[in-house]
N, C-alpha and C. Protein backbone atom coordinates (compact mmCIF):
# COMPACT_ATOMS: atom_id res chain seq x y z
N VAL A 1 -9.63 -43.66 -6.90
CA VAL A 1 -8.96 -42.39 -7.19
C VAL A 1 -7.95 -42.14 -6.09
N GLU A 2 -6.78 -41.67 -6.49
CA GLU A 2 -5.75 -41.32 -5.52
C GLU A 2 -5.43 -39.83 -5.66
N VAL A 3 -5.44 -39.15 -4.54
CA VAL A 3 -5.12 -37.72 -4.51
C VAL A 3 -3.86 -37.53 -3.68
N MET A 4 -2.84 -36.90 -4.27
CA MET A 4 -1.61 -36.62 -3.54
C MET A 4 -1.60 -35.17 -3.10
N LEU A 5 -1.42 -34.94 -1.81
CA LEU A 5 -1.38 -33.59 -1.27
C LEU A 5 0.02 -33.01 -1.39
N ALA A 6 0.12 -31.71 -1.18
CA ALA A 6 1.41 -31.02 -1.30
C ALA A 6 2.42 -31.55 -0.29
N ASN A 7 1.95 -32.04 0.85
CA ASN A 7 2.86 -32.56 1.88
C ASN A 7 3.25 -34.01 1.64
N GLY A 8 2.82 -34.58 0.51
CA GLY A 8 3.17 -35.95 0.18
C GLY A 8 2.16 -36.98 0.64
N LYS A 9 1.22 -36.61 1.48
CA LYS A 9 0.21 -37.54 1.95
C LYS A 9 -0.71 -37.92 0.81
N ARG A 10 -1.13 -39.19 0.78
CA ARG A 10 -2.01 -39.68 -0.27
C ARG A 10 -3.37 -40.03 0.32
N LEU A 11 -4.43 -39.61 -0.40
CA LEU A 11 -5.80 -39.95 -0.02
C LEU A 11 -6.38 -40.83 -1.12
N ARG A 12 -7.16 -41.84 -0.72
CA ARG A 12 -7.78 -42.73 -1.70
C ARG A 12 -9.28 -42.78 -1.48
N ALA A 13 -10.03 -42.82 -2.58
CA ALA A 13 -11.49 -42.89 -2.49
C ALA A 13 -12.03 -43.54 -3.76
N LYS A 14 -13.25 -44.09 -3.67
CA LYS A 14 -13.88 -44.67 -4.84
C LYS A 14 -14.33 -43.59 -5.81
N GLN A 15 -14.75 -42.45 -5.26
CA GLN A 15 -15.23 -41.33 -6.08
C GLN A 15 -14.67 -40.03 -5.50
N VAL A 16 -14.38 -39.06 -6.36
CA VAL A 16 -13.88 -37.76 -5.92
C VAL A 16 -14.67 -36.66 -6.62
N VAL A 17 -15.09 -35.66 -5.85
CA VAL A 17 -15.70 -34.44 -6.40
C VAL A 17 -14.68 -33.32 -6.23
N CYS A 18 -14.25 -32.75 -7.34
CA CYS A 18 -13.25 -31.68 -7.33
C CYS A 18 -13.95 -30.33 -7.54
N THR A 19 -13.84 -29.46 -6.55
CA THR A 19 -14.46 -28.13 -6.64
C THR A 19 -13.43 -27.02 -6.77
N ILE A 20 -12.20 -27.38 -7.07
CA ILE A 20 -11.13 -26.39 -7.19
C ILE A 20 -11.40 -25.51 -8.42
N PRO A 21 -11.35 -24.18 -8.27
CA PRO A 21 -11.51 -23.31 -9.46
C PRO A 21 -10.48 -23.68 -10.53
N PHE A 22 -10.88 -23.62 -11.78
CA PHE A 22 -9.96 -24.00 -12.85
C PHE A 22 -8.70 -23.14 -12.86
N SER A 23 -8.80 -21.89 -12.42
CA SER A 23 -7.63 -21.02 -12.35
C SER A 23 -6.57 -21.58 -11.41
N ALA A 24 -6.97 -22.30 -10.38
CA ALA A 24 -6.04 -22.95 -9.45
C ALA A 24 -5.73 -24.38 -9.88
N LEU A 25 -6.70 -25.03 -10.51
CA LEU A 25 -6.51 -26.42 -10.93
C LEU A 25 -5.44 -26.55 -12.01
N ARG A 26 -5.17 -25.46 -12.72
CA ARG A 26 -4.15 -25.49 -13.78
C ARG A 26 -2.78 -25.88 -13.24
N GLY A 27 -2.55 -25.60 -11.98
CA GLY A 27 -1.25 -25.92 -11.39
C GLY A 27 -1.19 -27.29 -10.76
N ILE A 28 -2.22 -28.10 -10.95
CA ILE A 28 -2.29 -29.43 -10.35
C ILE A 28 -2.32 -30.46 -11.47
N SER A 29 -1.47 -31.45 -11.39
CA SER A 29 -1.41 -32.50 -12.41
C SER A 29 -2.59 -33.46 -12.23
N ILE A 30 -3.29 -33.75 -13.33
CA ILE A 30 -4.40 -34.70 -13.30
C ILE A 30 -4.06 -35.85 -14.25
N ASP A 31 -3.82 -37.01 -13.69
CA ASP A 31 -3.51 -38.19 -14.49
C ASP A 31 -4.80 -38.97 -14.71
N ALA A 32 -5.59 -38.51 -15.66
CA ALA A 32 -6.88 -39.13 -15.95
C ALA A 32 -7.22 -38.88 -17.42
N ASN A 33 -8.07 -39.72 -17.95
CA ASN A 33 -8.49 -39.60 -19.35
C ASN A 33 -9.64 -38.60 -19.43
N LEU A 34 -9.30 -37.32 -19.51
CA LEU A 34 -10.33 -36.27 -19.57
C LEU A 34 -10.60 -35.88 -21.02
N PRO A 35 -11.84 -35.55 -21.36
CA PRO A 35 -12.14 -35.08 -22.72
C PRO A 35 -11.35 -33.82 -23.06
N GLU A 36 -11.06 -33.64 -24.33
CA GLU A 36 -10.27 -32.49 -24.76
C GLU A 36 -10.94 -31.18 -24.40
N ALA A 37 -12.27 -31.11 -24.54
CA ALA A 37 -12.97 -29.86 -24.21
C ALA A 37 -12.78 -29.51 -22.74
N LEU A 38 -12.82 -30.51 -21.87
CA LEU A 38 -12.63 -30.27 -20.44
C LEU A 38 -11.21 -29.80 -20.15
N ARG A 39 -10.24 -30.47 -20.71
CA ARG A 39 -8.84 -30.05 -20.50
C ARG A 39 -8.61 -28.64 -21.02
N SER A 40 -9.17 -28.34 -22.19
CA SER A 40 -9.02 -27.01 -22.78
C SER A 40 -9.66 -25.95 -21.89
N THR A 41 -10.84 -26.25 -21.34
CA THR A 41 -11.52 -25.29 -20.48
C THR A 41 -10.73 -25.06 -19.20
N ILE A 42 -10.19 -26.13 -18.62
CA ILE A 42 -9.38 -25.99 -17.41
C ILE A 42 -8.20 -25.06 -17.68
N GLU A 43 -7.56 -25.22 -18.82
CA GLU A 43 -6.36 -24.44 -19.14
C GLU A 43 -6.66 -23.00 -19.53
N ARG A 44 -7.84 -22.73 -20.09
CA ARG A 44 -8.07 -21.43 -20.71
C ARG A 44 -9.16 -20.57 -20.08
N LEU A 45 -10.02 -21.14 -19.23
CA LEU A 45 -11.15 -20.37 -18.70
C LEU A 45 -10.65 -19.17 -17.89
N PRO A 46 -11.03 -17.95 -18.28
CA PRO A 46 -10.55 -16.77 -17.54
C PRO A 46 -11.35 -16.53 -16.26
N TYR A 47 -10.69 -15.92 -15.30
CA TYR A 47 -11.31 -15.58 -14.03
C TYR A 47 -11.21 -14.07 -13.81
N THR A 48 -12.29 -13.49 -13.31
CA THR A 48 -12.36 -12.05 -13.10
C THR A 48 -11.47 -11.64 -11.94
N LYS A 49 -10.69 -10.60 -12.18
CA LYS A 49 -9.85 -10.05 -11.12
C LYS A 49 -10.67 -9.09 -10.26
N ALA A 50 -10.54 -9.21 -8.97
CA ALA A 50 -11.28 -8.34 -8.05
C ALA A 50 -10.48 -8.15 -6.78
N SER A 51 -10.38 -6.91 -6.34
CA SER A 51 -9.71 -6.58 -5.08
C SER A 51 -10.65 -5.72 -4.24
N PHE A 52 -10.67 -5.99 -2.95
CA PHE A 52 -11.52 -5.27 -2.02
C PHE A 52 -10.66 -4.52 -1.01
N ALA A 53 -11.09 -3.32 -0.66
CA ALA A 53 -10.48 -2.60 0.46
C ALA A 53 -11.57 -2.39 1.50
N PHE A 54 -11.21 -2.51 2.77
CA PHE A 54 -12.15 -2.34 3.85
C PHE A 54 -11.74 -1.14 4.71
N LEU A 55 -12.69 -0.24 4.91
CA LEU A 55 -12.45 0.98 5.67
C LEU A 55 -13.39 1.01 6.87
N HIS A 56 -12.83 1.24 8.04
CA HIS A 56 -13.64 1.38 9.26
C HIS A 56 -14.24 2.77 9.30
N ALA A 57 -15.53 2.84 9.66
CA ALA A 57 -16.21 4.14 9.80
C ALA A 57 -16.56 4.36 11.27
N SER A 58 -16.25 5.54 11.78
CA SER A 58 -16.56 5.83 13.18
C SER A 58 -18.05 5.98 13.40
N THR A 59 -18.78 6.38 12.36
CA THR A 59 -20.24 6.46 12.41
C THR A 59 -20.80 6.05 11.05
N SER A 60 -22.06 5.70 11.00
CA SER A 60 -22.72 5.37 9.73
C SER A 60 -23.18 6.67 9.06
N PHE A 61 -22.22 7.47 8.63
CA PHE A 61 -22.51 8.81 8.08
C PHE A 61 -23.38 8.76 6.85
N TRP A 62 -23.36 7.64 6.13
CA TRP A 62 -24.13 7.51 4.88
C TRP A 62 -25.64 7.45 5.12
N LYS A 63 -26.04 7.31 6.36
CA LYS A 63 -27.48 7.23 6.65
C LYS A 63 -28.14 8.60 6.80
N GLY A 64 -27.32 9.65 6.94
CA GLY A 64 -27.93 10.94 7.21
C GLY A 64 -27.53 12.06 6.29
N ASP A 65 -26.83 11.76 5.20
CA ASP A 65 -26.37 12.86 4.34
C ASP A 65 -27.22 13.05 3.09
N GLY A 66 -28.30 12.26 2.96
CA GLY A 66 -29.21 12.44 1.84
C GLY A 66 -28.75 11.82 0.53
N LEU A 67 -27.61 11.13 0.54
CA LEU A 67 -27.10 10.47 -0.67
C LEU A 67 -27.35 8.97 -0.58
N PRO A 68 -27.34 8.28 -1.72
CA PRO A 68 -27.50 6.82 -1.68
C PRO A 68 -26.36 6.19 -0.88
N GLU A 69 -26.66 5.09 -0.22
CA GLU A 69 -25.63 4.44 0.58
C GLU A 69 -24.49 3.91 -0.28
N THR A 70 -24.81 3.33 -1.43
CA THR A 70 -23.80 2.78 -2.33
C THR A 70 -23.30 3.85 -3.29
N ILE A 71 -21.99 3.88 -3.51
CA ILE A 71 -21.39 4.83 -4.45
C ILE A 71 -20.88 4.06 -5.67
N TRP A 72 -21.27 4.49 -6.86
CA TRP A 72 -20.74 3.94 -8.11
C TRP A 72 -20.01 5.08 -8.82
N THR A 73 -18.73 4.92 -9.04
CA THR A 73 -17.94 6.01 -9.63
C THR A 73 -17.11 5.51 -10.80
N ASP A 74 -16.57 6.47 -11.54
CA ASP A 74 -15.59 6.13 -12.57
C ASP A 74 -14.17 6.40 -12.07
N ASP A 75 -14.03 6.65 -10.78
CA ASP A 75 -12.71 6.87 -10.19
C ASP A 75 -11.93 5.54 -10.22
N PRO A 76 -10.73 5.51 -10.80
CA PRO A 76 -9.99 4.25 -10.95
C PRO A 76 -9.53 3.63 -9.64
N LEU A 77 -9.58 4.37 -8.53
CA LEU A 77 -9.11 3.80 -7.27
C LEU A 77 -10.23 3.49 -6.28
N ILE A 78 -11.45 3.97 -6.56
CA ILE A 78 -12.52 3.62 -5.62
C ILE A 78 -13.68 2.89 -6.29
N GLY A 79 -13.88 3.03 -7.56
CA GLY A 79 -14.90 2.24 -8.25
C GLY A 79 -16.23 2.24 -7.53
N ARG A 80 -16.60 1.09 -6.95
CA ARG A 80 -17.84 0.95 -6.21
C ARG A 80 -17.54 0.91 -4.70
N VAL A 81 -18.39 1.57 -3.93
CA VAL A 81 -18.23 1.60 -2.48
C VAL A 81 -19.54 1.16 -1.85
N PHE A 82 -19.48 0.10 -1.06
CA PHE A 82 -20.67 -0.45 -0.41
C PHE A 82 -20.61 -0.20 1.09
N ALA A 83 -21.72 0.26 1.65
CA ALA A 83 -21.82 0.46 3.10
C ALA A 83 -22.21 -0.86 3.76
N LEU A 84 -21.45 -1.27 4.76
CA LEU A 84 -21.72 -2.50 5.50
C LEU A 84 -22.07 -2.12 6.93
N ASP A 85 -23.35 -2.12 7.20
CA ASP A 85 -23.78 -1.78 8.56
C ASP A 85 -23.44 -2.93 9.49
N GLY A 86 -22.84 -2.61 10.59
CA GLY A 86 -22.47 -3.62 11.56
C GLY A 86 -21.84 -2.94 12.76
N ASP A 87 -21.16 -3.71 13.54
CA ASP A 87 -20.48 -3.18 14.71
C ASP A 87 -19.03 -3.66 14.68
N PRO A 88 -18.10 -2.88 14.12
CA PRO A 88 -18.28 -1.49 13.69
C PRO A 88 -18.80 -1.40 12.25
N PRO A 89 -19.33 -0.22 11.86
CA PRO A 89 -19.73 -0.03 10.45
C PRO A 89 -18.49 0.04 9.56
N LEU A 90 -18.63 -0.47 8.35
CA LEU A 90 -17.51 -0.52 7.41
C LEU A 90 -17.94 -0.03 6.04
N LEU A 91 -16.95 0.38 5.25
CA LEU A 91 -17.13 0.58 3.81
C LEU A 91 -16.28 -0.47 3.10
N LYS A 92 -16.85 -1.04 2.04
CA LYS A 92 -16.14 -2.01 1.21
C LYS A 92 -15.95 -1.41 -0.17
N VAL A 93 -14.72 -1.19 -0.56
CA VAL A 93 -14.37 -0.67 -1.88
C VAL A 93 -14.09 -1.86 -2.79
N TRP A 94 -14.76 -1.91 -3.94
CA TRP A 94 -14.68 -3.07 -4.84
C TRP A 94 -14.14 -2.59 -6.19
N LEU A 95 -12.98 -3.14 -6.60
CA LEU A 95 -12.38 -2.84 -7.89
C LEU A 95 -12.23 -4.11 -8.70
N ASN A 96 -12.48 -4.02 -10.02
CA ASN A 96 -12.38 -5.16 -10.92
C ASN A 96 -11.33 -4.92 -11.99
N GLY A 97 -10.90 -6.02 -12.60
CA GLY A 97 -10.06 -5.96 -13.79
C GLY A 97 -8.77 -5.20 -13.61
N PRO A 98 -8.41 -4.35 -14.61
CA PRO A 98 -7.16 -3.59 -14.53
C PRO A 98 -7.07 -2.70 -13.28
N ARG A 99 -8.21 -2.22 -12.80
CA ARG A 99 -8.20 -1.39 -11.60
C ARG A 99 -7.79 -2.22 -10.38
N ALA A 100 -8.25 -3.46 -10.34
CA ALA A 100 -7.85 -4.35 -9.24
C ALA A 100 -6.36 -4.65 -9.33
N GLU A 101 -5.87 -4.87 -10.55
CA GLU A 101 -4.43 -5.13 -10.72
C GLU A 101 -3.60 -3.93 -10.29
N ALA A 102 -4.08 -2.72 -10.62
CA ALA A 102 -3.36 -1.51 -10.22
C ALA A 102 -3.34 -1.38 -8.70
N LEU A 103 -4.45 -1.68 -8.04
CA LEU A 103 -4.50 -1.63 -6.58
C LEU A 103 -3.53 -2.64 -5.98
N ASP A 104 -3.44 -3.82 -6.58
CA ASP A 104 -2.54 -4.86 -6.07
C ASP A 104 -1.08 -4.43 -6.11
N ARG A 105 -0.75 -3.52 -7.01
CA ARG A 105 0.65 -3.06 -7.13
C ARG A 105 0.99 -1.96 -6.12
N MET A 106 -0.01 -1.41 -5.48
CA MET A 106 0.22 -0.32 -4.53
C MET A 106 0.53 -0.85 -3.14
N GLU A 107 1.21 -0.05 -2.36
CA GLU A 107 1.43 -0.38 -0.96
C GLU A 107 0.09 -0.21 -0.26
N PRO A 108 -0.40 -1.23 0.46
CA PRO A 108 -1.78 -1.22 0.97
C PRO A 108 -2.15 0.01 1.80
N ALA A 109 -1.33 0.40 2.76
CA ALA A 109 -1.69 1.54 3.61
C ALA A 109 -1.76 2.83 2.80
N THR A 110 -0.86 2.98 1.82
CA THR A 110 -0.87 4.15 0.96
C THR A 110 -2.14 4.18 0.11
N ALA A 111 -2.50 3.01 -0.43
CA ALA A 111 -3.73 2.92 -1.23
C ALA A 111 -4.95 3.26 -0.37
N GLY A 112 -4.98 2.74 0.85
CA GLY A 112 -6.11 3.03 1.73
C GLY A 112 -6.24 4.50 2.05
N LYS A 113 -5.13 5.14 2.31
CA LYS A 113 -5.13 6.58 2.61
C LYS A 113 -5.65 7.38 1.43
N GLU A 114 -5.23 6.99 0.22
CA GLU A 114 -5.66 7.71 -0.99
C GLU A 114 -7.15 7.47 -1.26
N MET A 115 -7.62 6.25 -1.01
CA MET A 115 -9.05 5.97 -1.17
C MET A 115 -9.87 6.86 -0.25
N ILE A 116 -9.45 6.96 1.00
CA ILE A 116 -10.17 7.79 1.97
C ILE A 116 -10.21 9.24 1.50
N ARG A 117 -9.08 9.73 0.99
CA ARG A 117 -9.04 11.12 0.51
C ARG A 117 -10.05 11.33 -0.61
N ARG A 118 -10.13 10.38 -1.52
CA ARG A 118 -11.04 10.52 -2.66
C ARG A 118 -12.50 10.38 -2.23
N ILE A 119 -12.78 9.47 -1.31
CA ILE A 119 -14.16 9.33 -0.82
C ILE A 119 -14.59 10.60 -0.08
N GLU A 120 -13.72 11.16 0.73
CA GLU A 120 -14.04 12.39 1.44
C GLU A 120 -14.31 13.54 0.48
N ARG A 121 -13.63 13.54 -0.67
CA ARG A 121 -13.83 14.61 -1.65
C ARG A 121 -15.21 14.52 -2.29
N ILE A 122 -15.65 13.29 -2.62
CA ILE A 122 -16.94 13.16 -3.30
C ILE A 122 -18.10 13.02 -2.32
N ARG A 123 -17.78 12.72 -1.06
CA ARG A 123 -18.83 12.58 -0.04
C ARG A 123 -18.36 13.28 1.23
N PRO A 124 -18.59 14.57 1.32
CA PRO A 124 -18.06 15.37 2.44
C PRO A 124 -18.45 14.87 3.82
N SER A 125 -19.58 14.16 3.96
CA SER A 125 -19.99 13.66 5.27
C SER A 125 -19.03 12.60 5.81
N ALA A 126 -18.13 12.08 4.95
CA ALA A 126 -17.15 11.08 5.38
C ALA A 126 -15.92 11.71 6.02
N GLN A 127 -15.81 13.02 5.93
CA GLN A 127 -14.61 13.72 6.40
C GLN A 127 -14.25 13.33 7.84
N GLY A 128 -13.03 12.81 8.01
CA GLY A 128 -12.51 12.48 9.33
C GLY A 128 -13.13 11.26 9.98
N LYS A 129 -13.93 10.50 9.24
CA LYS A 129 -14.64 9.38 9.86
C LYS A 129 -14.18 8.02 9.36
N LEU A 130 -13.17 7.96 8.49
CA LEU A 130 -12.74 6.69 7.91
C LEU A 130 -11.31 6.34 8.31
N GLU A 131 -11.07 5.04 8.42
CA GLU A 131 -9.75 4.52 8.76
C GLU A 131 -9.50 3.25 7.95
N TYR A 132 -8.34 3.14 7.35
CA TYR A 132 -8.00 1.96 6.54
C TYR A 132 -7.84 0.72 7.43
N LEU A 133 -8.44 -0.39 6.99
CA LEU A 133 -8.31 -1.65 7.72
C LEU A 133 -7.49 -2.69 6.96
N ASP A 134 -7.92 -3.03 5.72
CA ASP A 134 -7.27 -4.14 5.03
C ASP A 134 -7.63 -4.12 3.55
N ILE A 135 -6.83 -4.83 2.76
CA ILE A 135 -7.10 -5.05 1.34
C ILE A 135 -7.05 -6.55 1.08
N PHE A 136 -8.00 -7.05 0.31
CA PHE A 136 -8.04 -8.47 -0.06
C PHE A 136 -8.07 -8.59 -1.58
N SER A 137 -7.15 -9.37 -2.13
CA SER A 137 -7.05 -9.57 -3.57
C SER A 137 -7.39 -11.02 -3.91
N TRP A 138 -8.47 -11.23 -4.68
CA TRP A 138 -8.84 -12.58 -5.06
C TRP A 138 -7.80 -13.23 -5.97
N GLN A 139 -7.21 -12.47 -6.89
CA GLN A 139 -6.26 -13.05 -7.83
C GLN A 139 -4.93 -13.41 -7.17
N LYS A 140 -4.66 -12.87 -6.01
CA LYS A 140 -3.43 -13.23 -5.29
C LYS A 140 -3.59 -14.50 -4.46
N GLN A 141 -4.80 -14.99 -4.32
CA GLN A 141 -5.03 -16.20 -3.53
C GLN A 141 -4.70 -17.42 -4.38
N PRO A 142 -3.72 -18.24 -3.95
CA PRO A 142 -3.30 -19.37 -4.79
C PRO A 142 -4.38 -20.41 -5.03
N PHE A 143 -5.37 -20.50 -4.16
CA PHE A 143 -6.43 -21.48 -4.33
C PHE A 143 -7.67 -20.89 -4.99
N ALA A 144 -7.54 -19.64 -5.49
CA ALA A 144 -8.66 -19.00 -6.19
C ALA A 144 -8.22 -18.49 -7.56
N GLY A 145 -7.27 -17.56 -7.59
CA GLY A 145 -6.80 -17.02 -8.87
C GLY A 145 -7.78 -16.07 -9.52
N GLY A 146 -8.75 -15.58 -8.77
CA GLY A 146 -9.78 -14.68 -9.28
C GLY A 146 -11.05 -14.90 -8.49
N ILE A 147 -12.02 -14.01 -8.68
CA ILE A 147 -13.23 -14.10 -7.85
C ILE A 147 -14.25 -15.08 -8.42
N TYR A 148 -14.40 -15.13 -9.73
CA TYR A 148 -15.29 -16.09 -10.40
C TYR A 148 -14.95 -16.10 -11.88
N HIS A 149 -15.40 -17.14 -12.58
CA HIS A 149 -15.04 -17.27 -13.99
C HIS A 149 -15.91 -16.35 -14.86
N HIS A 150 -15.44 -16.11 -16.06
CA HIS A 150 -16.28 -15.52 -17.10
C HIS A 150 -15.93 -16.22 -18.42
N ILE A 151 -16.85 -16.15 -19.37
CA ILE A 151 -16.66 -16.88 -20.63
C ILE A 151 -15.78 -16.05 -21.55
N GLY A 152 -14.60 -16.55 -21.83
CA GLY A 152 -13.67 -15.85 -22.72
C GLY A 152 -14.04 -16.05 -24.17
N THR A 153 -13.46 -15.24 -25.04
CA THR A 153 -13.70 -15.32 -26.47
C THR A 153 -13.37 -16.71 -27.00
N GLY A 154 -14.30 -17.32 -27.69
CA GLY A 154 -14.08 -18.63 -28.28
C GLY A 154 -14.20 -19.80 -27.33
N LEU A 155 -14.62 -19.56 -26.09
CA LEU A 155 -14.68 -20.63 -25.10
C LEU A 155 -16.10 -21.13 -24.82
N GLY A 156 -17.09 -20.53 -25.46
CA GLY A 156 -18.48 -20.91 -25.19
C GLY A 156 -18.75 -22.38 -25.44
N ALA A 157 -18.30 -22.90 -26.56
CA ALA A 157 -18.60 -24.29 -26.91
C ALA A 157 -17.90 -25.26 -25.96
N SER A 158 -16.62 -25.02 -25.67
CA SER A 158 -15.91 -25.94 -24.79
C SER A 158 -16.45 -25.88 -23.36
N LEU A 159 -16.88 -24.69 -22.89
CA LEU A 159 -17.46 -24.59 -21.56
C LEU A 159 -18.81 -25.31 -21.52
N ALA A 160 -19.60 -25.17 -22.58
CA ALA A 160 -20.89 -25.87 -22.64
C ALA A 160 -20.68 -27.38 -22.58
N ALA A 161 -19.66 -27.87 -23.28
CA ALA A 161 -19.36 -29.31 -23.23
C ALA A 161 -18.84 -29.72 -21.85
N THR A 162 -18.06 -28.84 -21.25
CA THR A 162 -17.47 -29.14 -19.94
C THR A 162 -18.53 -29.32 -18.87
N VAL A 163 -19.52 -28.44 -18.82
CA VAL A 163 -20.53 -28.54 -17.77
C VAL A 163 -21.45 -29.75 -17.97
N GLN A 164 -21.40 -30.38 -19.15
CA GLN A 164 -22.16 -31.60 -19.40
C GLN A 164 -21.37 -32.85 -19.02
N HIS A 165 -20.10 -32.69 -18.68
CA HIS A 165 -19.22 -33.84 -18.44
C HIS A 165 -19.70 -34.71 -17.29
N ARG A 166 -19.70 -36.02 -17.52
CA ARG A 166 -20.03 -37.00 -16.48
C ARG A 166 -18.81 -37.88 -16.30
N GLY A 167 -18.13 -37.74 -15.17
CA GLY A 167 -16.93 -38.53 -14.93
C GLY A 167 -17.24 -39.94 -14.47
N ARG A 168 -16.25 -40.81 -14.59
CA ARG A 168 -16.41 -42.18 -14.09
C ARG A 168 -16.13 -42.21 -12.59
N ARG A 169 -15.02 -41.62 -12.19
CA ARG A 169 -14.66 -41.57 -10.77
C ARG A 169 -14.31 -40.16 -10.31
N LEU A 170 -13.95 -39.32 -11.25
CA LEU A 170 -13.57 -37.94 -10.94
C LEU A 170 -14.64 -37.01 -11.49
N HIS A 171 -15.27 -36.25 -10.59
CA HIS A 171 -16.37 -35.36 -10.96
C HIS A 171 -15.99 -33.92 -10.60
N PHE A 172 -16.50 -32.97 -11.36
CA PHE A 172 -16.17 -31.56 -11.14
C PHE A 172 -17.41 -30.78 -10.75
N ALA A 173 -17.23 -29.84 -9.83
CA ALA A 173 -18.32 -28.98 -9.38
C ALA A 173 -17.74 -27.62 -9.01
N GLY A 174 -18.61 -26.65 -8.81
CA GLY A 174 -18.18 -25.29 -8.49
C GLY A 174 -18.98 -24.32 -9.36
N GLU A 175 -18.85 -23.03 -9.08
CA GLU A 175 -19.63 -22.06 -9.85
C GLU A 175 -19.30 -22.11 -11.34
N HIS A 176 -18.10 -22.56 -11.67
CA HIS A 176 -17.68 -22.66 -13.06
C HIS A 176 -18.31 -23.84 -13.79
N MET A 177 -18.98 -24.74 -13.05
CA MET A 177 -19.60 -25.92 -13.65
C MET A 177 -21.13 -25.82 -13.69
N ALA A 178 -21.68 -24.66 -13.37
CA ALA A 178 -23.13 -24.51 -13.33
C ALA A 178 -23.70 -24.37 -14.74
N ARG A 179 -24.92 -24.86 -14.92
CA ARG A 179 -25.63 -24.74 -16.19
C ARG A 179 -26.64 -23.60 -16.16
N LEU A 180 -27.22 -23.34 -15.00
CA LEU A 180 -28.34 -22.40 -14.92
C LEU A 180 -28.02 -21.13 -14.15
N ALA A 181 -27.36 -21.26 -13.02
CA ALA A 181 -27.14 -20.12 -12.12
C ALA A 181 -25.69 -19.67 -12.18
N SER A 182 -25.39 -18.61 -11.42
CA SER A 182 -24.01 -18.13 -11.31
C SER A 182 -23.69 -17.94 -9.84
N GLY A 183 -22.43 -17.69 -9.54
CA GLY A 183 -22.03 -17.43 -8.17
C GLY A 183 -22.28 -18.62 -7.24
N MET A 184 -22.63 -18.31 -5.98
CA MET A 184 -22.85 -19.36 -4.99
C MET A 184 -24.01 -20.28 -5.39
N GLU A 185 -25.05 -19.70 -6.00
CA GLU A 185 -26.17 -20.52 -6.45
C GLU A 185 -25.69 -21.54 -7.50
N GLY A 186 -24.81 -21.10 -8.38
CA GLY A 186 -24.26 -22.02 -9.38
C GLY A 186 -23.40 -23.10 -8.75
N ALA A 187 -22.64 -22.74 -7.71
CA ALA A 187 -21.81 -23.73 -7.01
C ALA A 187 -22.70 -24.79 -6.37
N LEU A 188 -23.81 -24.36 -5.76
CA LEU A 188 -24.73 -25.31 -5.14
C LEU A 188 -25.39 -26.20 -6.19
N GLU A 189 -25.78 -25.59 -7.30
CA GLU A 189 -26.41 -26.36 -8.38
C GLU A 189 -25.48 -27.46 -8.88
N SER A 190 -24.24 -27.11 -9.19
CA SER A 190 -23.31 -28.10 -9.73
C SER A 190 -22.89 -29.10 -8.66
N GLY A 191 -22.82 -28.66 -7.40
CA GLY A 191 -22.47 -29.58 -6.32
C GLY A 191 -23.53 -30.64 -6.13
N GLU A 192 -24.78 -30.24 -6.21
CA GLU A 192 -25.87 -31.21 -6.09
C GLU A 192 -25.82 -32.20 -7.24
N ARG A 193 -25.57 -31.70 -8.45
CA ARG A 193 -25.51 -32.59 -9.61
C ARG A 193 -24.35 -33.59 -9.47
N ALA A 194 -23.19 -33.12 -9.00
CA ALA A 194 -22.05 -34.02 -8.82
C ALA A 194 -22.33 -35.05 -7.73
N ALA A 195 -22.99 -34.63 -6.65
CA ALA A 195 -23.33 -35.56 -5.57
C ALA A 195 -24.25 -36.66 -6.06
N LEU A 196 -25.22 -36.31 -6.91
CA LEU A 196 -26.13 -37.30 -7.46
C LEU A 196 -25.40 -38.27 -8.39
N MET A 197 -24.40 -37.76 -9.13
CA MET A 197 -23.60 -38.66 -9.98
C MET A 197 -22.87 -39.67 -9.13
N VAL A 198 -22.30 -39.23 -8.02
CA VAL A 198 -21.59 -40.13 -7.12
C VAL A 198 -22.53 -41.17 -6.54
N LEU A 199 -23.69 -40.74 -6.10
CA LEU A 199 -24.65 -41.65 -5.50
C LEU A 199 -25.10 -42.72 -6.49
N GLU A 200 -25.18 -42.36 -7.78
CA GLU A 200 -25.57 -43.33 -8.80
C GLU A 200 -24.56 -44.47 -8.93
N LYS A 201 -23.31 -44.19 -8.55
CA LYS A 201 -22.23 -45.16 -8.75
C LYS A 201 -21.92 -45.99 -7.51
N LEU A 202 -22.56 -45.67 -6.38
CA LEU A 202 -22.28 -46.40 -5.14
C LEU A 202 -23.06 -47.70 -5.08
């Protein structure tokens, strides 16, 4: 197998395990005889959009106000808010789908300021204790294109065939190739399966 990098450097190996998310793999040319179901899944598998905002907290105010630490709202700009105890303590605002896309279109500091205003309104103990730090968008990352896959309409059969694929020299792994688990557990599951396929061929 030969892999050409963006800088023109070429790598050669007897076997390759590719863990690139399909959302990013779409932009990479693969000169190999892949089954149609696999090619179709690579081209069409949707990935969930997710954007995170991180807010610094001067104190862990959520521990003493009598409310649950995690906030679940229908507010389009704050969605879910998770308390991250640490040094310093942080809040993580998690938005999915169209809400994440809307956040991505905003100027980050302005979005952070507005999030703080809304959190202070629904949780008065936060008043004057939050500061905007950063926003991270999974869909803006060229090597991700989203946080994790989900099964789109009409893709169940091709995805089921894809995760059964056994390559000759090119093998696929990642959370999108799991049969049993999801997320990091799914990535480990499929990675172990791909490693065993490689070992069988050595």
